[in-house]
PDB file of N, CA and C in Angstrom:
ATOM      1  N   UNK A   1      -2.711   0.991  16.273  1.00  0.00           N
ATOM      2  CA  UNK A   1      -2.026   0.511  15.093  1.00  0.00           C
ATOM      3  C   UNK A   1      -0.873   1.132  14.773  1.00  0.00           C
ATOM      4  N   UNK A   2       0.148   0.825  14.374  1.00  0.00           N
ATOM      5  CA  UNK A   2       1.424   1.647  14.004  1.00  0.00           C
ATOM      6  C   UNK A   2       1.395   1.883  12.421  1.00  0.00           C
ATOM      7  N   UNK A   3       2.140   2.759  12.435  1.00  0.00           N
ATOM      8  CA  UNK A   3       2.320   3.075  10.799  1.00  0.00           C
ATOM      9  C   UNK A   3       3.731   2.694  10.249  1.00  0.00           C
ATOM     10  N   UNK A   4       3.885   2.106   9.160  1.00  0.00           N
ATOM     11  CA  UNK A   4       5.412   1.588   8.811  1.00  0.00           C
ATOM     12  C   UNK A   4       6.057   3.201   8.433  1.00  0.00           C
ATOM     13  N   UNK A   5       7.186   3.286   8.735  1.00  0.00           N
ATOM     14  CA  UNK A   5       7.963   4.645   7.821  1.00  0.00           C
ATOM     15  C   UNK A   5       8.153   4.316   6.570  1.00  0.00           C
ATOM     16  N   UNK A   6       8.145   5.174   5.498  1.00  0.00           N
ATOM     17  CA  UNK A   6       8.411   5.206   4.545  1.00  0.00           C
ATOM     18  C   UNK A   6       9.727   4.934   4.183  1.00  0.00           C
ATOM     19  N   UNK A   7      10.165   3.711   3.354  1.00  0.00           N
ATOM     20  CA  UNK A   7      11.810   3.538   2.991  1.00  0.00           C
ATOM     21  C   UNK A   7      12.412   4.786   2.630  1.00  0.00           C
ATOM     22  N   UNK A   8      13.421   5.121   3.516  1.00  0.00           N
ATOM     23  CA  UNK A   8      14.262   6.030   2.785  1.00  0.00           C
ATOM     24  C   UNK A   8      15.600   5.467   1.695  1.00  0.00           C
ATOM     25  N   UNK A   9      15.708   6.324   0.888  1.00  0.00           N
ATOM     26  CA  UNK A   9      16.808   5.941  -0.085  1.00  0.00           C
ATOM     27  C   UNK A   9      18.049   5.732   0.515  1.00  0.00           C
ATOM     28  N   UNK A  10      18.781   4.846   0.211  1.00  0.00           N
ATOM     29  CA  UNK A  10      20.204   4.235   0.746  1.00  0.00           C
ATOM     30  C   UNK A  10      21.230   4.401  -0.243  1.00  0.00           C
ATOM     31  N   UNK A  11      22.200   4.866   0.473  1.00  0.00           N
ATOM     32  CA  UNK A  11      23.600   5.170   0.073  1.00  0.00           C
ATOM     33  C   UNK A  11      24.599   4.116   0.307  1.00  0.00           C
ATOM     34  N   UNK A  12      25.685   3.776  -0.297  1.00  0.00           N
ATOM     35  CA  UNK A  12      26.696   3.071   0.172  1.00  0.00           C
ATOM     36  C   UNK A  12      28.063   4.066   0.026  1.00  0.00           C
ATOM     37  N   UNK A  13      28.883   4.305   1.113  1.00  0.00           N
ATOM     38  CA  UNK A  13      30.054   4.759   1.081  1.00  0.00           C
ATOM     39  C   UNK A  13      30.174   6.057   0.189  1.00  0.00           C
ATOM     40  N   UNK A  14      29.085   6.664  -0.593  1.00  0.00           N
ATOM     41  CA  UNK A  14      29.182   7.765  -1.123  1.00  0.00           C
ATOM     42  C   UNK A  14      27.424   8.315  -1.114  1.00  0.00           C
ATOM     43  N   UNK A  15      27.431   9.715  -1.252  1.00  0.00           N
ATOM     44  CA  UNK A  15      26.093  10.231  -1.319  1.00  0.00           C
ATOM     45  C   UNK A  15      26.175  11.557  -2.134  1.00  0.00           C
ATOM     46  N   UNK A  16      25.100  12.029  -2.535  1.00  0.00           N
ATOM     47  CA  UNK A  16      24.897  13.075  -3.424  1.00  0.00           C
ATOM     48  C   UNK A  16      25.287  14.357  -2.634  1.00  0.00           C
ATOM     49  N   UNK A  17      25.926  15.260  -3.434  1.00  0.00           N
ATOM     50  CA  UNK A  17      26.469  16.690  -2.705  1.00  0.00           C
ATOM     51  C   UNK A  17      25.273  17.356  -2.361  1.00  0.00           C
ATOM     52  N   UNK A  18      24.283  17.385  -2.397  1.00  0.00           N
ATOM     53  CA  UNK A  18      23.121  18.045  -1.750  1.00  0.00           C
ATOM     54  C   UNK A  18      22.566  17.300  -0.339  1.00  0.00           C
ATOM     55  N   UNK A  19      23.289  16.074   0.177  1.00  0.00           N
ATOM     56  CA  UNK A  19      23.029  15.478   1.239  1.00  0.00           C
ATOM     57  C   UNK A  19      24.375  16.059   2.167  1.00  0.00           C
ATOM     58  N   UNK A  20      24.116  15.682   3.355  1.00  0.00           N
ATOM     59  CA  UNK A  20      25.141  15.667   4.610  1.00  0.00           C
ATOM     60  C   UNK A  20      25.062  14.881   5.495  1.00  0.00           C
ATOM     61  N   UNK A  21      26.141  14.304   6.326  1.00  0.00           N
ATOM     62  CA  UNK A  21      25.794  13.657   7.641  1.00  0.00           C
ATOM     63  C   UNK A  21      25.727  14.609   8.585  1.00  0.00           C
ATOM     64  N   UNK A  22      25.202  14.311   9.841  1.00  0.00           N
ATOM     65  CA  UNK A  22      25.244  15.608  10.764  1.00  0.00           C
ATOM     66  C   UNK A  22      26.716  15.686  11.155  1.00  0.00           C
ATOM     67  N   UNK A  23      27.498  15.014  11.062  1.00  0.00           N
ATOM     68  CA  UNK A  23      29.003  15.330  11.470  1.00  0.00           C
ATOM     69  C   UNK A  23      29.563  16.191  10.266  1.00  0.00           C
ATOM     70  N   UNK A  24      29.239  16.388   8.938  1.00  0.00           N
ATOM     71  CA  UNK A  24      29.386  17.229   8.023  1.00  0.00           C
ATOM     72  C   UNK A  24      29.019  18.360   8.335  1.00  0.00           C
ATOM     73  N   UNK A  25      27.790  18.758   8.806  1.00  0.00           N
ATOM     74  CA  UNK A  25      27.048  19.689   8.876  1.00  0.00           C
ATOM     75  C   UNK A  25      27.832  20.351  10.300  1.00  0.00           C
ATOM     76  N   UNK A  26      27.980  19.490  11.257  1.00  0.00           N
ATOM     77  CA  UNK A  26      28.783  20.067  12.309  1.00  0.00           C
ATOM     78  C   UNK A  26      30.001  21.066  12.119  1.00  0.00           C
ATOM     79  N   UNK A  27      30.745  19.954  11.241  1.00  0.00           N
ATOM     80  CA  UNK A  27      32.164  21.012  10.862  1.00  0.00           C
ATOM     81  C   UNK A  27      32.011  22.223  10.625  1.00  0.00           C
ATOM     82  N   UNK A  28      30.805  22.225   9.912  1.00  0.00           N
ATOM     83  CA  UNK A  28      30.816  23.794   9.245  1.00  0.00           C
ATOM     84  C   UNK A  28      29.729  24.589   9.994  1.00  0.00           C
ATOM     85  N   UNK A  29      29.575  24.538  11.300  1.00  0.00           N
ATOM     86  CA  UNK A  29      29.040  25.150  12.280  1.00  0.00           C
ATOM     87  C   UNK A  29      27.604  25.043  12.070  1.00  0.00           C
ATOM     88  N   UNK A  30      26.926  23.999  11.340  1.00  0.00           N
ATOM     89  CA  UNK A  30      25.602  23.791  11.086  1.00  0.00           C
ATOM     90  C   UNK A  30      24.746  22.781  11.956  1.00  0.00           C
ATOM     91  N   UNK A  31      23.624  22.535  11.834  1.00  0.00           N
ATOM     92  CA  UNK A  31      22.997  21.308  12.203  1.00  0.00           C
ATOM     93  C   UNK A  31      21.885  20.765  11.400  1.00  0.00           C
ATOM     94  N   UNK A  32      21.239  19.737  11.356  1.00  0.00           N
ATOM     95  CA  UNK A  32      20.139  19.494  10.437  1.00  0.00           C
ATOM     96  C   UNK A  32      19.245  20.385  10.799  1.00  0.00           C
ATOM     97  N   UNK A  33      18.205  20.671   9.759  1.00  0.00           N
ATOM     98  CA  UNK A  33      16.887  21.380   9.933  1.00  0.00           C
ATOM     99  C   UNK A  33      15.832  20.505  10.430  1.00  0.00           C
ATOM    100  N   UNK A  34      16.022  19.442  10.126  1.00  0.00           N
ATOM    101  CA  UNK A  34      15.218  18.594  11.087  1.00  0.00           C
ATOM    102  C   UNK A  34      15.485  17.343  11.562  1.00  0.00           C
ATOM    103  N   UNK A  35      14.873  16.571  12.364  1.00  0.00           N
ATOM    104  CA  UNK A  35      15.385  15.467  13.288  1.00  0.00           C
ATOM    105  C   UNK A  35      15.124  14.186  12.603  1.00  0.00           C
ATOM    106  N   UNK A  36      14.466  13.991  11.154  1.00  0.00           N
ATOM    107  CA  UNK A  36      14.380  13.143  10.638  1.00  0.00           C
ATOM    108  C   UNK A  36      15.250  13.151   8.923  1.00  0.00           C
ATOM    109  N   UNK A  37      16.214  12.248   9.142  1.00  0.00           N
ATOM    110  CA  UNK A  37      16.864  12.182   7.918  1.00  0.00           C
ATOM    111  C   UNK A  37      16.001  11.581   6.592  1.00  0.00           C
ATOM    112  N   UNK A  38      16.653  12.142   5.505  1.00  0.00           N
ATOM    113  CA  UNK A  38      15.878  12.126   4.156  1.00  0.00           C
ATOM    114  C   UNK A  38      16.787  10.977   3.590  1.00  0.00           C
ATOM    115  N   UNK A  39      17.839  10.244   3.812  1.00  0.00           N
ATOM    116  CA  UNK A  39      18.194   9.203   3.440  1.00  0.00           C
ATOM    117  C   UNK A  39      19.278   8.431   4.305  1.00  0.00           C
ATOM    118  N   UNK A  40      19.601   7.232   4.330  1.00  0.00           N
ATOM    119  CA  UNK A  40      20.538   6.584   5.143  1.00  0.00           C
ATOM    120  C   UNK A  40      22.023   6.306   4.337  1.00  0.00           C
ATOM    121  N   UNK A  41      23.005   6.372   5.020  1.00  0.00           N
ATOM    122  CA  UNK A  41      24.182   6.237   4.353  1.00  0.00           C
ATOM    123  C   UNK A  41      24.890   4.651   5.393  1.00  0.00           C
ATOM    124  N   UNK A  42      25.157   3.967   4.584  1.00  0.00           N
ATOM    125  CA  UNK A  42      25.981   2.581   5.050  1.00  0.00           C
ATOM    126  C   UNK A  42      27.516   2.798   4.524  1.00  0.00           C
ATOM    127  N   UNK A  43      28.171   2.471   5.312  1.00  0.00           N
ATOM    128  CA  UNK A  43      29.846   2.773   5.223  1.00  0.00           C
ATOM    129  C   UNK A  43      30.648   1.828   5.621  1.00  0.00           C
ATOM    130  N   UNK A  44      31.852   1.422   5.122  1.00  0.00           N
ATOM    131  CA  UNK A  44      32.661   0.373   5.444  1.00  0.00           C
ATOM    132  C   UNK A  44      34.128   1.313   5.137  1.00  0.00           C
ATOM    133  N   UNK A  45      34.832   1.387   6.410  1.00  0.00           N
ATOM    134  CA  UNK A  45      36.139   2.121   6.233  1.00  0.00           C
ATOM    135  C   UNK A  45      37.174   1.163   7.030  1.00  0.00           C
ATOM    136  N   UNK A  46      37.838   0.220   6.190  1.00  0.00           N
ATOM    137  CA  UNK A  46      38.703  -0.669   7.081  1.00  0.00           C
ATOM    138  C   UNK A  46      37.988  -1.776   7.710  1.00  0.00           C
ATOM    139  N   UNK A  47      38.248  -1.668   9.268  1.00  0.00           N
ATOM    140  CA  UNK A  47      37.519  -2.650   9.920  1.00  0.00           C
ATOM    141  C   UNK A  47      36.395  -1.972  10.889  1.00  0.00           C
ATOM    142  N   UNK A  48      36.166  -0.606  10.351  1.00  0.00           N
ATOM    143  CA  UNK A  48      34.921   0.081  10.966  1.00  0.00           C
ATOM    144  C   UNK A  48      33.626  -0.253   9.711  1.00  0.00           C
ATOM    145  N   UNK A  49      32.518  -0.158  10.182  1.00  0.00           N
ATOM    146  CA  UNK A  49      31.236  -0.272   9.521  1.00  0.00           C
ATOM    147  C   UNK A  49      30.206   0.610  10.029  1.00  0.00           C
ATOM    148  N   UNK A  50      29.172   1.133   9.464  1.00  0.00           N
ATOM    149  CA  UNK A  50      27.935   1.413  10.274  1.00  0.00           C
ATOM    150  C   UNK A  50      26.906   2.029   9.455  1.00  0.00           C
ATOM    151  N   UNK A  51      26.035   2.710   9.972  1.00  0.00           N
ATOM    152  CA  UNK A  51      24.750   3.683   9.151  1.00  0.00           C
ATOM    153  C   UNK A  51      24.720   4.770   9.868  1.00  0.00           C
ATOM    154  N   UNK A  52      24.279   5.982   9.157  1.00  0.00           N
ATOM    155  CA  UNK A  52      23.774   6.991   9.581  1.00  0.00           C
ATOM    156  C   UNK A  52      22.875   7.756   9.068  1.00  0.00           C
ATOM    157  N   UNK A  53      22.348   8.612   9.040  1.00  0.00           N
ATOM    158  CA  UNK A  53      21.266   9.398   8.345  1.00  0.00           C
ATOM    159  C   UNK A  53      22.080  10.653   7.426  1.00  0.00           C
ATOM    160  N   UNK A  54      21.379  10.753   6.639  1.00  0.00           N
ATOM    161  CA  UNK A  54      21.659  11.808   5.728  1.00  0.00           C
ATOM    162  C   UNK A  54      20.611  13.145   5.561  1.00  0.00           C
ATOM    163  N   UNK A  55      21.254  14.425   5.741  1.00  0.00           N
ATOM    164  CA  UNK A  55      20.192  15.119   5.779  1.00  0.00           C
ATOM    165  C   UNK A  55      20.377  16.191   4.507  1.00  0.00           C
ATOM    166  N   UNK A  56      19.478  17.148   4.291  1.00  0.00           N
ATOM    167  CA  UNK A  56      19.527  18.211   3.267  1.00  0.00           C
ATOM    168  C   UNK A  56      20.506  19.334   3.580  1.00  0.00           C
ATOM    169  N   UNK A  57      21.487  19.660   2.614  1.00  0.00           N
ATOM    170  CA  UNK A  57      22.173  20.634   2.890  1.00  0.00           C
ATOM    171  C   UNK A  57      21.813  21.713   3.082  1.00  0.00           C
ATOM    172  N   UNK A  58      20.736  21.971   2.106  1.00  0.00           N
ATOM    173  CA  UNK A  58      20.159  23.387   1.998  1.00  0.00           C
ATOM    174  C   UNK A  58      18.996  23.678   3.218  1.00  0.00           C
ATOM    175  N   UNK A  59      18.877  22.689   3.662  1.00  0.00           N
ATOM    176  CA  UNK A  59      17.770  22.705   4.832  1.00  0.00           C
ATOM    177  C   UNK A  59      18.220  23.003   6.470  1.00  0.00           C
ATOM    178  N   UNK A  60      19.895  23.019   6.193  1.00  0.00           N
ATOM    179  CA  UNK A  60      20.688  23.084   7.626  1.00  0.00           C
ATOM    180  C   UNK A  60      20.525  24.271   8.282  1.00  0.00           C
ATOM    181  N   UNK A  61      20.492  24.460   9.688  1.00  0.00           N
ATOM    182  CA  UNK A  61      20.469  25.802  10.249  1.00  0.00           C
ATOM    183  C   UNK A  61      21.801  26.111  11.091  1.00  0.00           C
ATOM    184  N   UNK A  62      21.994  27.055  11.286  1.00  0.00           N
ATOM    185  CA  UNK A  62      23.281  27.669  12.397  1.00  0.00           C
ATOM    186  C   UNK A  62      22.778  26.826  13.592  1.00  0.00           C
ATOM    187  N   UNK A  63      24.176  26.436  14.238  1.00  0.00           N
ATOM    188  CA  UNK A  63      24.105  25.333  15.302  1.00  0.00           C
ATOM    189  C   UNK A  63      23.523  26.166  16.632  1.00  0.00           C
ATOM    190  N   UNK A  64      23.680  27.277  16.536  1.00  0.00           N
ATOM    191  CA  UNK A  64      23.350  28.188  17.855  1.00  0.00           C
ATOM    192  C   UNK A  64      21.858  28.471  17.763  1.00  0.00           C
ATOM    193  N   UNK A  65      20.873  28.568  16.649  1.00  0.00           N
ATOM    194  CA  UNK A  65      19.673  28.593  16.029  1.00  0.00           C
ATOM    195  C   UNK A  65      18.752  27.322  16.777  1.00  0.00           C
ATOM    196  N   UNK A  66      17.677  27.676  17.025  1.00  0.00           N
ATOM    197  CA  UNK A  66      16.809  26.609  17.201  1.00  0.00           C
ATOM    198  C   UNK A  66      16.318  25.840  16.250  1.00  0.00           C
ATOM    199  N   UNK A  67      15.919  24.747  16.118  1.00  0.00           N
ATOM    200  CA  UNK A  67      15.533  23.770  14.930  1.00  0.00           C
ATOM    201  C   UNK A  67      14.347  24.506  14.434  1.00  0.00           C
ATOM    202  N   UNK A  68      13.856  24.534  13.271  1.00  0.00           N
ATOM    203  CA  UNK A  68      12.602  24.668  12.691  1.00  0.00           C
ATOM    204  C   UNK A  68      11.451  24.296  13.598  1.00  0.00           C
ATOM    205  N   UNK A  69      11.425  22.958  13.963  1.00  0.00           N
ATOM    206  CA  UNK A  69      10.408  22.038  14.289  1.00  0.00           C
ATOM    207  C   UNK A  69      10.552  22.161  16.004  1.00  0.00           C
ATOM    208  N   UNK A  70      11.406  22.949  16.506  1.00  0.00           N
ATOM    209  CA  UNK A  70      11.335  23.079  17.964  1.00  0.00           C
ATOM    210  C   UNK A  70      10.285  24.445  18.296  1.00  0.00           C
ATOM    211  N   UNK A  71       9.492  24.165  19.566  1.00  0.00           N
ATOM    212  CA  UNK A  71       8.514  25.291  19.899  1.00  0.00           C
ATOM    213  C   UNK A  71       9.578  26.254  20.586  1.00  0.00           C
ATOM    214  N   UNK A  72       8.879  27.790  19.942  1.00  0.00           N
ATOM    215  CA  UNK A  72       9.719  28.721  21.063  1.00  0.00           C
ATOM    216  C   UNK A  72       9.040  28.793  22.488  1.00  0.00           C
ATOM    217  N   UNK A  73      10.040  28.822  23.070  1.00  0.00           N
ATOM    218  CA  UNK A  73       9.714  28.851  24.751  1.00  0.00           C
ATOM    219  C   UNK A  73       9.302  29.994  25.086  1.00  0.00           C
TER     220      UNK A  73
END
Protein backbone atom coordinates (compact mmCIF):
# COMPACT_ATOMS: atom_id res chain seq x y z
CA UNK A 1 0.00 0.00 0.00
CA UNK A 2 1.36 3.42 -0.91
CA UNK A 3 0.83 6.58 1.08
CA UNK A 4 -0.32 9.77 -0.51
CA UNK A 5 2.13 12.61 0.09
CA UNK A 6 0.64 15.51 2.04
CA UNK A 7 -0.53 18.42 -0.08
CA UNK A 8 2.02 21.21 -0.24
CA UNK A 9 1.13 24.90 -0.15
CA UNK A 10 1.06 26.37 -3.66
CA UNK A 11 1.97 29.85 -4.78
CA UNK A 12 1.50 31.49 -8.18
CA UNK A 13 4.15 33.86 -9.61
CA UNK A 14 5.19 35.05 -6.14
CA UNK A 15 6.14 33.46 -2.83
CA UNK A 16 7.00 34.42 0.77
CA UNK A 17 10.44 35.87 1.53
CA UNK A 18 11.43 32.87 3.70
CA UNK A 19 11.19 30.51 0.71
CA UNK A 20 13.38 30.22 -2.38
CA UNK A 21 13.67 28.18 -5.54
CA UNK A 22 16.72 25.96 -6.03
CA UNK A 23 17.89 28.46 -8.69
CA UNK A 24 17.56 31.35 -6.20
CA UNK A 25 19.69 29.44 -3.70
CA UNK A 26 22.26 28.42 -6.32
CA UNK A 27 22.73 32.08 -7.29
CA UNK A 28 23.75 32.66 -3.66
CA UNK A 29 26.17 29.71 -3.58
CA UNK A 30 23.69 27.64 -1.57
CA UNK A 31 21.61 24.52 -2.08
CA UNK A 32 18.42 23.27 -0.44
CA UNK A 33 18.92 21.67 2.96
CA UNK A 34 16.54 18.84 2.02
CA UNK A 35 15.44 17.10 -1.14
CA UNK A 36 11.75 17.65 -0.45
CA UNK A 37 10.31 21.07 -1.17
CA UNK A 38 8.10 22.70 1.45
CA UNK A 39 5.85 24.38 -1.15
CA UNK A 40 5.30 24.58 -4.91
CA UNK A 41 5.49 27.56 -7.23
CA UNK A 42 3.57 27.76 -10.49
CA UNK A 43 4.70 30.54 -12.76
CA UNK A 44 3.85 32.21 -16.04
CA UNK A 45 6.23 34.54 -17.81
CA UNK A 46 5.12 35.47 -21.31
CA UNK A 47 4.95 32.23 -23.28
CA UNK A 48 6.75 30.24 -20.55
CA UNK A 49 5.00 28.51 -17.67
CA UNK A 50 5.91 25.78 -15.26
CA UNK A 51 6.15 24.54 -11.70
CA UNK A 52 9.07 24.17 -9.31
CA UNK A 53 9.74 23.42 -5.67
CA UNK A 54 10.26 26.02 -2.98
CA UNK A 55 12.68 25.45 -0.11
CA UNK A 56 13.25 27.14 3.24
CA UNK A 57 16.00 29.75 2.97
CA UNK A 58 17.05 29.21 6.60
CA UNK A 59 17.63 25.48 5.98
CA UNK A 60 19.88 26.08 2.95
CA UNK A 61 23.51 24.94 3.15
CA UNK A 62 26.68 25.92 1.30
CA UNK A 63 26.84 24.31 -2.11
CA UNK A 64 30.15 22.54 -1.35
CA UNK A 65 28.90 20.93 1.88
CA UNK A 66 27.02 17.61 2.01
CA UNK A 67 23.27 17.86 2.52
CA UNK A 68 22.11 17.07 6.08
CA UNK A 69 20.21 14.04 4.82
CA UNK A 70 23.22 12.52 3.02
CA UNK A 71 25.19 9.84 4.84
CA UNK A 72 28.85 10.50 5.49
CA UNK A 73 31.16 8.20 3.52
